[in-house]
Amino acid sequence: DSLKGRFTISRDNAKSTLYLQMSSLK
């Protein structure tokens, strides 16, 4: 709940890579 609307998680299966885009950091 503390992250909703601020963070985005995504993945690129072809690159075997996980991402976390963080904004409005506290």
mmCIF file of all heavy atoms, coordinates in Angstrom:
data_MODEL
# 
_entry.id   MODEL 
# 
loop_
_atom_site.group_PDB 
_atom_site.id 
_atom_site.type_symbol 
_atom_site.label_atom_id 
_atom_site.label_alt_id 
_atom_site.label_comp_id 
_atom_site.label_asym_id 
_atom_site.label_entity_id 
_atom_site.label_seq_id 
_atom_site.pdbx_PDB_ins_code 
_atom_site.Cartn_x 
_atom_site.Cartn_y 
_atom_site.Cartn_z 
_atom_site.occupancy 
_atom_site.B_iso_or_equiv 
_atom_site.pdbx_formal_charge 
_atom_site.auth_seq_id 
_atom_site.auth_comp_id 
_atom_site.auth_asym_id 
_atom_site.auth_atom_id 
_atom_site.pdbx_PDB_model_num 
ATOM 1   N N   . ASP A 1 1  ? 0.817  -1.221  0.000   1.00 0.00 ? 1  ASP A N   1 
ATOM 2   C CA  . ASP A 1 1  ? 0.000  0.000   0.000   1.00 0.00 ? 1  ASP A CA  1 
ATOM 3   C C   . ASP A 1 1  ? 0.852  1.273   0.000   1.00 0.00 ? 1  ASP A C   1 
ATOM 4   O O   . ASP A 1 1  ? 0.497  2.269   -0.623  1.00 0.00 ? 1  ASP A O   1 
ATOM 5   C CB  . ASP A 1 1  ? -0.921 0.000   1.221   1.00 0.00 ? 1  ASP A CB  1 
ATOM 6   C CG  . ASP A 1 1  ? -2.062 -0.993  1.080   1.00 0.00 ? 1  ASP A CG  1 
ATOM 7   O OD1 . ASP A 1 1  ? -2.323 -1.437  -0.057  1.00 0.00 ? 1  ASP A OD1 1 
ATOM 8   O OD2 . ASP A 1 1  ? -2.685 -1.331  2.109   1.00 0.00 ? 1  ASP A OD2 1 
ATOM 9   N N   . SER A 1 2  ? 1.978  1.230   0.679   1.00 0.00 ? 2  SER A N   1 
ATOM 10  C CA  . SER A 1 2  ? 2.830  2.418   0.802   1.00 0.00 ? 2  SER A CA  1 
ATOM 11  C C   . SER A 1 2  ? 3.478  2.816   -0.526  1.00 0.00 ? 2  SER A C   1 
ATOM 12  O O   . SER A 1 2  ? 3.990  3.924   -0.664  1.00 0.00 ? 2  SER A O   1 
ATOM 13  C CB  . SER A 1 2  ? 3.910  2.199   1.848   1.00 0.00 ? 2  SER A CB  1 
ATOM 14  O OG  . SER A 1 2  ? 4.734  1.109   1.480   1.00 0.00 ? 2  SER A OG  1 
ATOM 15  N N   . LEU A 1 3  ? 3.447  1.899   -1.504  1.00 0.00 ? 3  LEU A N   1 
ATOM 16  C CA  . LEU A 1 3  ? 4.113  2.164   -2.777  1.00 0.00 ? 3  LEU A CA  1 
ATOM 17  C C   . LEU A 1 3  ? 3.163  2.471   -3.921  1.00 0.00 ? 3  LEU A C   1 
ATOM 18  O O   . LEU A 1 3  ? 3.599  2.944   -4.968  1.00 0.00 ? 3  LEU A O   1 
ATOM 19  C CB  . LEU A 1 3  ? 4.966  0.962   -3.197  1.00 0.00 ? 3  LEU A CB  1 
ATOM 20  C CG  . LEU A 1 3  ? 6.018  0.458   -2.244  1.00 0.00 ? 3  LEU A CG  1 
ATOM 21  C CD1 . LEU A 1 3  ? 6.868  -0.599  -2.915  1.00 0.00 ? 3  LEU A CD1 1 
ATOM 22  C CD2 . LEU A 1 3  ? 6.886  1.595   -1.731  1.00 0.00 ? 3  LEU A CD2 1 
ATOM 23  N N   . LYS A 1 4  ? 1.898  2.178   -3.725  1.00 0.00 ? 4  LYS A N   1 
ATOM 24  C CA  . LYS A 1 4  ? 0.938  2.308   -4.818  1.00 0.00 ? 4  LYS A CA  1 
ATOM 25  C C   . LYS A 1 4  ? 0.934  3.721   -5.386  1.00 0.00 ? 4  LYS A C   1 
ATOM 26  O O   . LYS A 1 4  ? 0.901  4.694   -4.646  1.00 0.00 ? 4  LYS A O   1 
ATOM 27  C CB  . LYS A 1 4  ? -0.457 1.929   -4.342  1.00 0.00 ? 4  LYS A CB  1 
ATOM 28  C CG  . LYS A 1 4  ? -0.633 0.438   -4.126  1.00 0.00 ? 4  LYS A CG  1 
ATOM 29  C CD  . LYS A 1 4  ? -2.041 0.102   -3.660  1.00 0.00 ? 4  LYS A CD  1 
ATOM 30  C CE  . LYS A 1 4  ? -2.189 -1.398  -3.453  1.00 0.00 ? 4  LYS A CE  1 
ATOM 31  N NZ  . LYS A 1 4  ? -3.543 -1.754  -2.929  1.00 0.00 ? 4  LYS A NZ  1 
ATOM 32  N N   . GLY A 1 5  ? 1.021  3.778   -6.708  1.00 0.00 ? 5  GLY A N   1 
ATOM 33  C CA  . GLY A 1 5  ? 1.016  5.051   -7.404  1.00 0.00 ? 5  GLY A CA  1 
ATOM 34  C C   . GLY A 1 5  ? 2.381  5.691   -7.542  1.00 0.00 ? 5  GLY A C   1 
ATOM 35  O O   . GLY A 1 5  ? 2.539  6.662   -8.270  1.00 0.00 ? 5  GLY A O   1 
ATOM 36  N N   . ARG A 1 6  ? 3.375  5.167   -6.842  1.00 0.00 ? 6  ARG A N   1 
ATOM 37  C CA  . ARG A 1 6  ? 4.719  5.744   -6.902  1.00 0.00 ? 6  ARG A CA  1 
ATOM 38  C C   . ARG A 1 6  ? 5.706  4.824   -7.594  1.00 0.00 ? 6  ARG A C   1 
ATOM 39  O O   . ARG A 1 6  ? 6.651  5.286   -8.230  1.00 0.00 ? 6  ARG A O   1 
ATOM 40  C CB  . ARG A 1 6  ? 5.225  6.065   -5.496  1.00 0.00 ? 6  ARG A CB  1 
ATOM 41  C CG  . ARG A 1 6  ? 4.371  7.052   -4.734  1.00 0.00 ? 6  ARG A CG  1 
ATOM 42  C CD  . ARG A 1 6  ? 5.050  7.533   -3.456  1.00 0.00 ? 6  ARG A CD  1 
ATOM 43  N NE  . ARG A 1 6  ? 5.305  6.450   -2.514  1.00 0.00 ? 6  ARG A NE  1 
ATOM 44  C CZ  . ARG A 1 6  ? 6.518  6.119   -2.060  1.00 0.00 ? 6  ARG A CZ  1 
ATOM 45  N NH1 . ARG A 1 6  ? 7.575  6.779   -2.480  1.00 0.00 ? 6  ARG A NH1 1 
ATOM 46  N NH2 . ARG A 1 6  ? 6.648  5.153   -1.173  1.00 0.00 ? 6  ARG A NH2 1 
ATOM 47  N N   . PHE A 1 7  ? 5.549  3.540   -7.446  1.00 0.00 ? 7  PHE A N   1 
ATOM 48  C CA  . PHE A 1 7  ? 6.483  2.562   -7.999  1.00 0.00 ? 7  PHE A CA  1 
ATOM 49  C C   . PHE A 1 7  ? 5.815  1.747   -9.090  1.00 0.00 ? 7  PHE A C   1 
ATOM 50  O O   . PHE A 1 7  ? 4.607  1.482   -9.040  1.00 0.00 ? 7  PHE A O   1 
ATOM 51  C CB  . PHE A 1 7  ? 6.972  1.599   -6.913  1.00 0.00 ? 7  PHE A CB  1 
ATOM 52  C CG  . PHE A 1 7  ? 7.921  2.202   -5.904  1.00 0.00 ? 7  PHE A CG  1 
ATOM 53  C CD1 . PHE A 1 7  ? 8.054  3.562   -5.727  1.00 0.00 ? 7  PHE A CD1 1 
ATOM 54  C CD2 . PHE A 1 7  ? 8.668  1.360   -5.090  1.00 0.00 ? 7  PHE A CD2 1 
ATOM 55  C CE1 . PHE A 1 7  ? 8.914  4.098   -4.782  1.00 0.00 ? 7  PHE A CE1 1 
ATOM 56  C CE2 . PHE A 1 7  ? 9.537  1.875   -4.133  1.00 0.00 ? 7  PHE A CE2 1 
ATOM 57  C CZ  . PHE A 1 7  ? 9.658  3.240   -3.973  1.00 0.00 ? 7  PHE A CZ  1 
ATOM 58  N N   . THR A 1 8  ? 6.606  1.334   -10.069 1.00 0.00 ? 8  THR A N   1 
ATOM 59  C CA  . THR A 1 8  ? 6.138  0.453   -11.140 1.00 0.00 ? 8  THR A CA  1 
ATOM 60  C C   . THR A 1 8  ? 7.107  -0.710  -11.261 1.00 0.00 ? 8  THR A C   1 
ATOM 61  O O   . THR A 1 8  ? 8.325  -0.502  -11.309 1.00 0.00 ? 8  THR A O   1 
ATOM 62  C CB  . THR A 1 8  ? 6.066  1.197   -12.479 1.00 0.00 ? 8  THR A CB  1 
ATOM 63  O OG1 . THR A 1 8  ? 5.193  2.325   -12.357 1.00 0.00 ? 8  THR A OG1 1 
ATOM 64  C CG2 . THR A 1 8  ? 5.549  0.277   -13.576 1.00 0.00 ? 8  THR A CG2 1 
ATOM 65  N N   . ILE A 1 9  ? 6.565  -1.904  -11.317 1.00 0.00 ? 9  ILE A N   1 
ATOM 66  C CA  . ILE A 1 9  ? 7.398  -3.088  -11.517 1.00 0.00 ? 9  ILE A CA  1 
ATOM 67  C C   . ILE A 1 9  ? 7.155  -3.618  -12.921 1.00 0.00 ? 9  ILE A C   1 
ATOM 68  O O   . ILE A 1 9  ? 6.018  -3.619  -13.417 1.00 0.00 ? 9  ILE A O   1 
ATOM 69  C CB  . ILE A 1 9  ? 7.104  -4.163  -10.453 1.00 0.00 ? 9  ILE A CB  1 
ATOM 70  C CG1 . ILE A 1 9  ? 8.083  -5.334  -10.567 1.00 0.00 ? 9  ILE A CG1 1 
ATOM 71  C CG2 . ILE A 1 9  ? 5.652  -4.630  -10.509 1.00 0.00 ? 9  ILE A CG2 1 
ATOM 72  C CD1 . ILE A 1 9  ? 7.966  -6.337  -9.401  1.00 0.00 ? 9  ILE A CD1 1 
ATOM 73  N N   . SER A 1 10 ? 8.218  -4.051  -13.564 1.00 0.00 ? 10 SER A N   1 
ATOM 74  C CA  . SER A 1 10 ? 8.089  -4.603  -14.920 1.00 0.00 ? 10 SER A CA  1 
ATOM 75  C C   . SER A 1 10 ? 9.173  -5.659  -15.124 1.00 0.00 ? 10 SER A C   1 
ATOM 76  O O   . SER A 1 10 ? 10.084 -5.802  -14.291 1.00 0.00 ? 10 SER A O   1 
ATOM 77  C CB  . SER A 1 10 ? 8.211  -3.490  -15.971 1.00 0.00 ? 10 SER A CB  1 
ATOM 78  O OG  . SER A 1 10 ? 9.465  -2.848  -15.893 1.00 0.00 ? 10 SER A OG  1 
ATOM 79  N N   . ARG A 1 11 ? 9.050  -6.376  -16.205 1.00 0.00 ? 11 ARG A N   1 
ATOM 80  C CA  . ARG A 1 11 ? 10.024 -7.430  -16.507 1.00 0.00 ? 11 ARG A CA  1 
ATOM 81  C C   . ARG A 1 11 ? 10.240 -7.528  -18.011 1.00 0.00 ? 11 ARG A C   1 
ATOM 82  O O   . ARG A 1 11 ? 9.341  -7.230  -18.805 1.00 0.00 ? 11 ARG A O   1 
ATOM 83  C CB  . ARG A 1 11 ? 9.552  -8.764  -15.940 1.00 0.00 ? 11 ARG A CB  1 
ATOM 84  C CG  . ARG A 1 11 ? 8.283  -9.299  -16.565 1.00 0.00 ? 11 ARG A CG  1 
ATOM 85  C CD  . ARG A 1 11 ? 7.714  -10.459 -15.753 1.00 0.00 ? 11 ARG A CD  1 
ATOM 86  N NE  . ARG A 1 11 ? 8.638  -11.594 -15.702 1.00 0.00 ? 11 ARG A NE  1 
ATOM 87  C CZ  . ARG A 1 11 ? 8.570  -12.571 -14.795 1.00 0.00 ? 11 ARG A CZ  1 
ATOM 88  N NH1 . ARG A 1 11 ? 7.616  -12.544 -13.865 1.00 0.00 ? 11 ARG A NH1 1 
ATOM 89  N NH2 . ARG A 1 11 ? 9.431  -13.566 -14.826 1.00 0.00 ? 11 ARG A NH2 1 
ATOM 90  N N   . ASP A 1 12 ? 11.435 -7.961  -18.370 1.00 0.00 ? 12 ASP A N   1 
ATOM 91  C CA  . ASP A 1 12 ? 11.766 -8.272  -19.753 1.00 0.00 ? 12 ASP A CA  1 
ATOM 92  C C   . ASP A 1 12 ? 12.233 -9.714  -19.754 1.00 0.00 ? 12 ASP A C   1 
ATOM 93  O O   . ASP A 1 12 ? 13.393 -10.010 -19.402 1.00 0.00 ? 12 ASP A O   1 
ATOM 94  C CB  . ASP A 1 12 ? 12.855 -7.319  -20.268 1.00 0.00 ? 12 ASP A CB  1 
ATOM 95  C CG  . ASP A 1 12 ? 13.149 -7.516  -21.751 1.00 0.00 ? 12 ASP A CG  1 
ATOM 96  O OD1 . ASP A 1 12 ? 12.907 -8.626  -22.268 1.00 0.00 ? 12 ASP A OD1 1 
ATOM 97  O OD2 . ASP A 1 12 ? 13.626 -6.569  -22.388 1.00 0.00 ? 12 ASP A OD2 1 
ATOM 98  N N   . ASN A 1 13 ? 11.344 -10.618 -20.104 1.00 0.00 ? 13 ASN A N   1 
ATOM 99  C CA  . ASN A 1 13 ? 11.676 -12.037 -20.044 1.00 0.00 ? 13 ASN A CA  1 
ATOM 100 C C   . ASN A 1 13 ? 12.789 -12.402 -21.027 1.00 0.00 ? 13 ASN A C   1 
ATOM 101 O O   . ASN A 1 13 ? 13.580 -13.307 -20.750 1.00 0.00 ? 13 ASN A O   1 
ATOM 102 C CB  . ASN A 1 13 ? 10.441 -12.880 -20.305 1.00 0.00 ? 13 ASN A CB  1 
ATOM 103 C CG  . ASN A 1 13 ? 9.452  -12.856 -19.150 1.00 0.00 ? 13 ASN A CG  1 
ATOM 104 O OD1 . ASN A 1 13 ? 9.831  -12.601 -17.993 1.00 0.00 ? 13 ASN A OD1 1 
ATOM 105 N ND2 . ASN A 1 13 ? 8.189  -13.093 -19.445 1.00 0.00 ? 13 ASN A ND2 1 
ATOM 106 N N   . ALA A 1 14 ? 12.872 -11.712 -22.145 1.00 0.00 ? 14 ALA A N   1 
ATOM 107 C CA  . ALA A 1 14 ? 13.923 -11.999 -23.124 1.00 0.00 ? 14 ALA A CA  1 
ATOM 108 C C   . ALA A 1 14 ? 15.302 -11.675 -22.561 1.00 0.00 ? 14 ALA A C   1 
ATOM 109 O O   . ALA A 1 14 ? 16.297 -12.279 -22.960 1.00 0.00 ? 14 ALA A O   1 
ATOM 110 C CB  . ALA A 1 14 ? 13.677 -11.220 -24.395 1.00 0.00 ? 14 ALA A CB  1 
ATOM 111 N N   . LYS A 1 15 ? 15.355 -10.713 -21.644 1.00 0.00 ? 15 LYS A N   1 
ATOM 112 C CA  . LYS A 1 15 ? 16.624 -10.321 -21.033 1.00 0.00 ? 15 LYS A CA  1 
ATOM 113 C C   . LYS A 1 15 ? 16.783 -10.873 -19.622 1.00 0.00 ? 15 LYS A C   1 
ATOM 114 O O   . LYS A 1 15 ? 17.757 -10.546 -18.939 1.00 0.00 ? 15 LYS A O   1 
ATOM 115 C CB  . LYS A 1 15 ? 16.735 -8.792  -21.003 1.00 0.00 ? 15 LYS A CB  1 
ATOM 116 C CG  . LYS A 1 15 ? 16.777 -8.142  -22.379 1.00 0.00 ? 15 LYS A CG  1 
ATOM 117 C CD  . LYS A 1 15 ? 16.924 -6.633  -22.260 1.00 0.00 ? 15 LYS A CD  1 
ATOM 118 C CE  . LYS A 1 15 ? 17.007 -5.991  -23.637 1.00 0.00 ? 15 LYS A CE  1 
ATOM 119 N NZ  . LYS A 1 15 ? 17.134 -4.508  -23.553 1.00 0.00 ? 15 LYS A NZ  1 
ATOM 120 N N   . SER A 1 16 ? 15.799 -11.655 -19.161 1.00 0.00 ? 16 SER A N   1 
ATOM 121 C CA  . SER A 1 16 ? 15.830 -12.201 -17.798 1.00 0.00 ? 16 SER A CA  1 
ATOM 122 C C   . SER A 1 16 ? 16.072 -11.088 -16.773 1.00 0.00 ? 16 SER A C   1 
ATOM 123 O O   . SER A 1 16 ? 16.882 -11.253 -15.845 1.00 0.00 ? 16 SER A O   1 
ATOM 124 C CB  . SER A 1 16 ? 16.905 -13.284 -17.669 1.00 0.00 ? 16 SER A CB  1 
ATOM 125 O OG  . SER A 1 16 ? 16.602 -14.381 -18.503 1.00 0.00 ? 16 SER A OG  1 
ATOM 126 N N   . THR A 1 17 ? 15.393 -9.992  -16.955 1.00 0.00 ? 17 THR A N   1 
ATOM 127 C CA  . THR A 1 17 ? 15.626 -8.813  -16.115 1.00 0.00 ? 17 THR A CA  1 
ATOM 128 C C   . THR A 1 17 ? 14.320 -8.289  -15.544 1.00 0.00 ? 17 THR A C   1 
ATOM 129 O O   . THR A 1 17 ? 13.305 -8.192  -16.245 1.00 0.00 ? 17 THR A O   1 
ATOM 130 C CB  . THR A 1 17 ? 16.331 -7.707  -16.917 1.00 0.00 ? 17 THR A CB  1 
ATOM 131 O OG1 . THR A 1 17 ? 17.578 -8.214  -17.418 1.00 0.00 ? 17 THR A OG1 1 
ATOM 132 C CG2 . THR A 1 17 ? 16.604 -6.499  -16.038 1.00 0.00 ? 17 THR A CG2 1 
ATOM 133 N N   . LEU A 1 18 ? 14.389 -7.965  -14.264 1.00 0.00 ? 18 LEU A N   1 
ATOM 134 C CA  . LEU A 1 18 ? 13.278 -7.386  -13.518 1.00 0.00 ? 18 LEU A CA  1 
ATOM 135 C C   . LEU A 1 18 ? 13.623 -5.931  -13.234 1.00 0.00 ? 18 LEU A C   1 
ATOM 136 O O   . LEU A 1 18 ? 14.787 -5.611  -12.956 1.00 0.00 ? 18 LEU A O   1 
ATOM 137 C CB  . LEU A 1 18 ? 13.087 -8.151  -12.218 1.00 0.00 ? 18 LEU A CB  1 
ATOM 138 C CG  . LEU A 1 18 ? 11.944 -7.751  -11.306 1.00 0.00 ? 18 LEU A CG  1 
ATOM 139 C CD1 . LEU A 1 18 ? 10.609 -8.161  -11.923 1.00 0.00 ? 18 LEU A CD1 1 
ATOM 140 C CD2 . LEU A 1 18 ? 12.112 -8.404  -9.934  1.00 0.00 ? 18 LEU A CD2 1 
ATOM 141 N N   . TYR A 1 19 ? 12.610 -5.071  -13.288 1.00 0.00 ? 19 TYR A N   1 
ATOM 142 C CA  . TYR A 1 19 ? 12.834 -3.645  -13.059 1.00 0.00 ? 19 TYR A CA  1 
ATOM 143 C C   . TYR A 1 19 ? 11.917 -3.117  -11.960 1.00 0.00 ? 19 TYR A C   1 
ATOM 144 O O   . TYR A 1 19 ? 10.825 -3.640  -11.742 1.00 0.00 ? 19 TYR A O   1 
ATOM 145 C CB  . TYR A 1 19 ? 12.558 -2.847  -14.337 1.00 0.00 ? 19 TYR A CB  1 
ATOM 146 C CG  . TYR A 1 19 ? 13.391 -3.252  -15.519 1.00 0.00 ? 19 TYR A CG  1 
ATOM 147 C CD1 . TYR A 1 19 ? 12.881 -4.073  -16.520 1.00 0.00 ? 19 TYR A CD1 1 
ATOM 148 C CD2 . TYR A 1 19 ? 14.718 -2.805  -15.641 1.00 0.00 ? 19 TYR A CD2 1 
ATOM 149 C CE1 . TYR A 1 19 ? 13.650 -4.448  -17.609 1.00 0.00 ? 19 TYR A CE1 1 
ATOM 150 C CE2 . TYR A 1 19 ? 15.488 -3.179  -16.725 1.00 0.00 ? 19 TYR A CE2 1 
ATOM 151 C CZ  . TYR A 1 19 ? 14.951 -4.004  -17.708 1.00 0.00 ? 19 TYR A CZ  1 
ATOM 152 O OH  . TYR A 1 19 ? 15.719 -4.364  -18.788 1.00 0.00 ? 19 TYR A OH  1 
ATOM 153 N N   . LEU A 1 20 ? 12.357 -2.053  -11.321 1.00 0.00 ? 20 LEU A N   1 
ATOM 154 C CA  . LEU A 1 20 ? 11.517 -1.314  -10.395 1.00 0.00 ? 20 LEU A CA  1 
ATOM 155 C C   . LEU A 1 20 ? 11.756 0.166   -10.653 1.00 0.00 ? 20 LEU A C   1 
ATOM 156 O O   . LEU A 1 20 ? 12.828 0.677   -10.358 1.00 0.00 ? 20 LEU A O   1 
ATOM 157 C CB  . LEU A 1 20 ? 11.828 -1.652  -8.938  1.00 0.00 ? 20 LEU A CB  1 
ATOM 158 C CG  . LEU A 1 20 ? 10.885 -1.032  -7.909  1.00 0.00 ? 20 LEU A CG  1 
ATOM 159 C CD1 . LEU A 1 20 ? 9.484  -1.651  -8.023  1.00 0.00 ? 20 LEU A CD1 1 
ATOM 160 C CD2 . LEU A 1 20 ? 11.412 -1.227  -6.485  1.00 0.00 ? 20 LEU A CD2 1 
ATOM 161 N N   . GLN A 1 21 ? 10.755 0.825   -11.210 1.00 0.00 ? 21 GLN A N   1 
ATOM 162 C CA  . GLN A 1 21 ? 10.819 2.258   -11.424 1.00 0.00 ? 21 GLN A CA  1 
ATOM 163 C C   . GLN A 1 21 ? 10.216 2.944   -10.207 1.00 0.00 ? 21 GLN A C   1 
ATOM 164 O O   . GLN A 1 21 ? 9.049  2.718   -9.886  1.00 0.00 ? 21 GLN A O   1 
ATOM 165 C CB  . GLN A 1 21 ? 10.042 2.656   -12.683 1.00 0.00 ? 21 GLN A CB  1 
ATOM 166 C CG  . GLN A 1 21 ? 9.988  4.144   -12.933 1.00 0.00 ? 21 GLN A CG  1 
ATOM 167 C CD  . GLN A 1 21 ? 11.332 4.721   -13.307 1.00 0.00 ? 21 GLN A CD  1 
ATOM 168 O OE1 . GLN A 1 21 ? 11.993 4.266   -14.241 1.00 0.00 ? 21 GLN A OE1 1 
ATOM 169 N NE2 . GLN A 1 21 ? 11.766 5.752   -12.571 1.00 0.00 ? 21 GLN A NE2 1 
ATOM 170 N N   . MET A 1 22 ? 11.033 3.734   -9.542  1.00 0.00 ? 22 MET A N   1 
ATOM 171 C CA  . MET A 1 22 ? 10.608 4.382   -8.309  1.00 0.00 ? 22 MET A CA  1 
ATOM 172 C C   . MET A 1 22 ? 10.535 5.888   -8.540  1.00 0.00 ? 22 MET A C   1 
ATOM 173 O O   . MET A 1 22 ? 11.494 6.487   -9.044  1.00 0.00 ? 22 MET A O   1 
ATOM 174 C CB  . MET A 1 22 ? 11.594 4.078   -7.191  1.00 0.00 ? 22 MET A CB  1 
ATOM 175 C CG  . MET A 1 22 ? 11.839 2.581   -6.993  1.00 0.00 ? 22 MET A CG  1 
ATOM 176 S SD  . MET A 1 22 ? 12.875 2.239   -5.560  1.00 0.00 ? 22 MET A SD  1 
ATOM 177 C CE  . MET A 1 22 ? 14.399 2.989   -6.091  1.00 0.00 ? 22 MET A CE  1 
ATOM 178 N N   . SER A 1 23 ? 9.428  6.497   -8.160  1.00 0.00 ? 23 SER A N   1 
ATOM 179 C CA  . SER A 1 23 ? 9.283  7.937   -8.281  1.00 0.00 ? 23 SER A CA  1 
ATOM 180 C C   . SER A 1 23 ? 8.686  8.487   -7.000  1.00 0.00 ? 23 SER A C   1 
ATOM 181 O O   . SER A 1 23 ? 8.230  7.724   -6.148  1.00 0.00 ? 23 SER A O   1 
ATOM 182 C CB  . SER A 1 23 ? 8.416  8.292   -9.494  1.00 0.00 ? 23 SER A CB  1 
ATOM 183 O OG  . SER A 1 23 ? 7.128  7.724   -9.369  1.00 0.00 ? 23 SER A OG  1 
ATOM 184 N N   . SER A 1 24 ? 8.707  9.814   -6.881  1.00 0.00 ? 24 SER A N   1 
ATOM 185 C CA  . SER A 1 24 ? 8.210  10.475  -5.672  1.00 0.00 ? 24 SER A CA  1 
ATOM 186 C C   . SER A 1 24 ? 8.790  9.829   -4.418  1.00 0.00 ? 24 SER A C   1 
ATOM 187 O O   . SER A 1 24 ? 8.086  9.539   -3.454  1.00 0.00 ? 24 SER A O   1 
ATOM 188 C CB  . SER A 1 24 ? 6.683  10.438  -5.628  1.00 0.00 ? 24 SER A CB  1 
ATOM 189 O OG  . SER A 1 24 ? 6.119  11.050  -6.757  1.00 0.00 ? 24 SER A OG  1 
ATOM 190 N N   . LEU A 1 25 ? 10.084 9.595   -4.451  1.00 0.00 ? 25 LEU A N   1 
ATOM 191 C CA  . LEU A 1 25 ? 10.736 8.880   -3.361  1.00 0.00 ? 25 LEU A CA  1 
ATOM 192 C C   . LEU A 1 25 ? 10.669 9.667   -2.060  1.00 0.00 ? 25 LEU A C   1 
ATOM 193 O O   . LEU A 1 25 ? 10.757 10.909  -2.053  1.00 0.00 ? 25 LEU A O   1 
ATOM 194 C CB  . LEU A 1 25 ? 12.181 8.558   -3.732  1.00 0.00 ? 25 LEU A CB  1 
ATOM 195 C CG  . LEU A 1 25 ? 12.323 7.370   -4.697  1.00 0.00 ? 25 LEU A CG  1 
ATOM 196 C CD1 . LEU A 1 25 ? 13.686 7.385   -5.377  1.00 0.00 ? 25 LEU A CD1 1 
ATOM 197 C CD2 . LEU A 1 25 ? 12.112 6.073   -3.945  1.00 0.00 ? 25 LEU A CD2 1 
ATOM 198 N N   . LYS A 1 26 ? 10.555 8.915   -0.966  1.00 0.00 ? 26 LYS A N   1 
ATOM 199 C CA  . LYS A 1 26 ? 10.454 9.482   0.377   1.00 0.00 ? 26 LYS A CA  1 
ATOM 200 C C   . LYS A 1 26 ? 11.609 8.950   1.219   1.00 0.00 ? 26 LYS A C   1 
ATOM 201 O O   . LYS A 1 26 ? 12.130 7.864   0.949   1.00 0.00 ? 26 LYS A O   1 
ATOM 202 C CB  . LYS A 1 26 ? 9.133  9.086   1.014   1.00 0.00 ? 26 LYS A CB  1 
ATOM 203 C CG  . LYS A 1 26 ? 7.903  9.468   0.203   1.00 0.00 ? 26 LYS A CG  1 
ATOM 204 C CD  . LYS A 1 26 ? 6.640  8.952   0.875   1.00 0.00 ? 26 LYS A CD  1 
ATOM 205 C CE  . LYS A 1 26 ? 5.392  9.318   0.076   1.00 0.00 ? 26 LYS A CE  1 
ATOM 206 N NZ  . LYS A 1 26 ? 4.156  8.806   0.724   1.00 0.00 ? 26 LYS A NZ  1 
# 
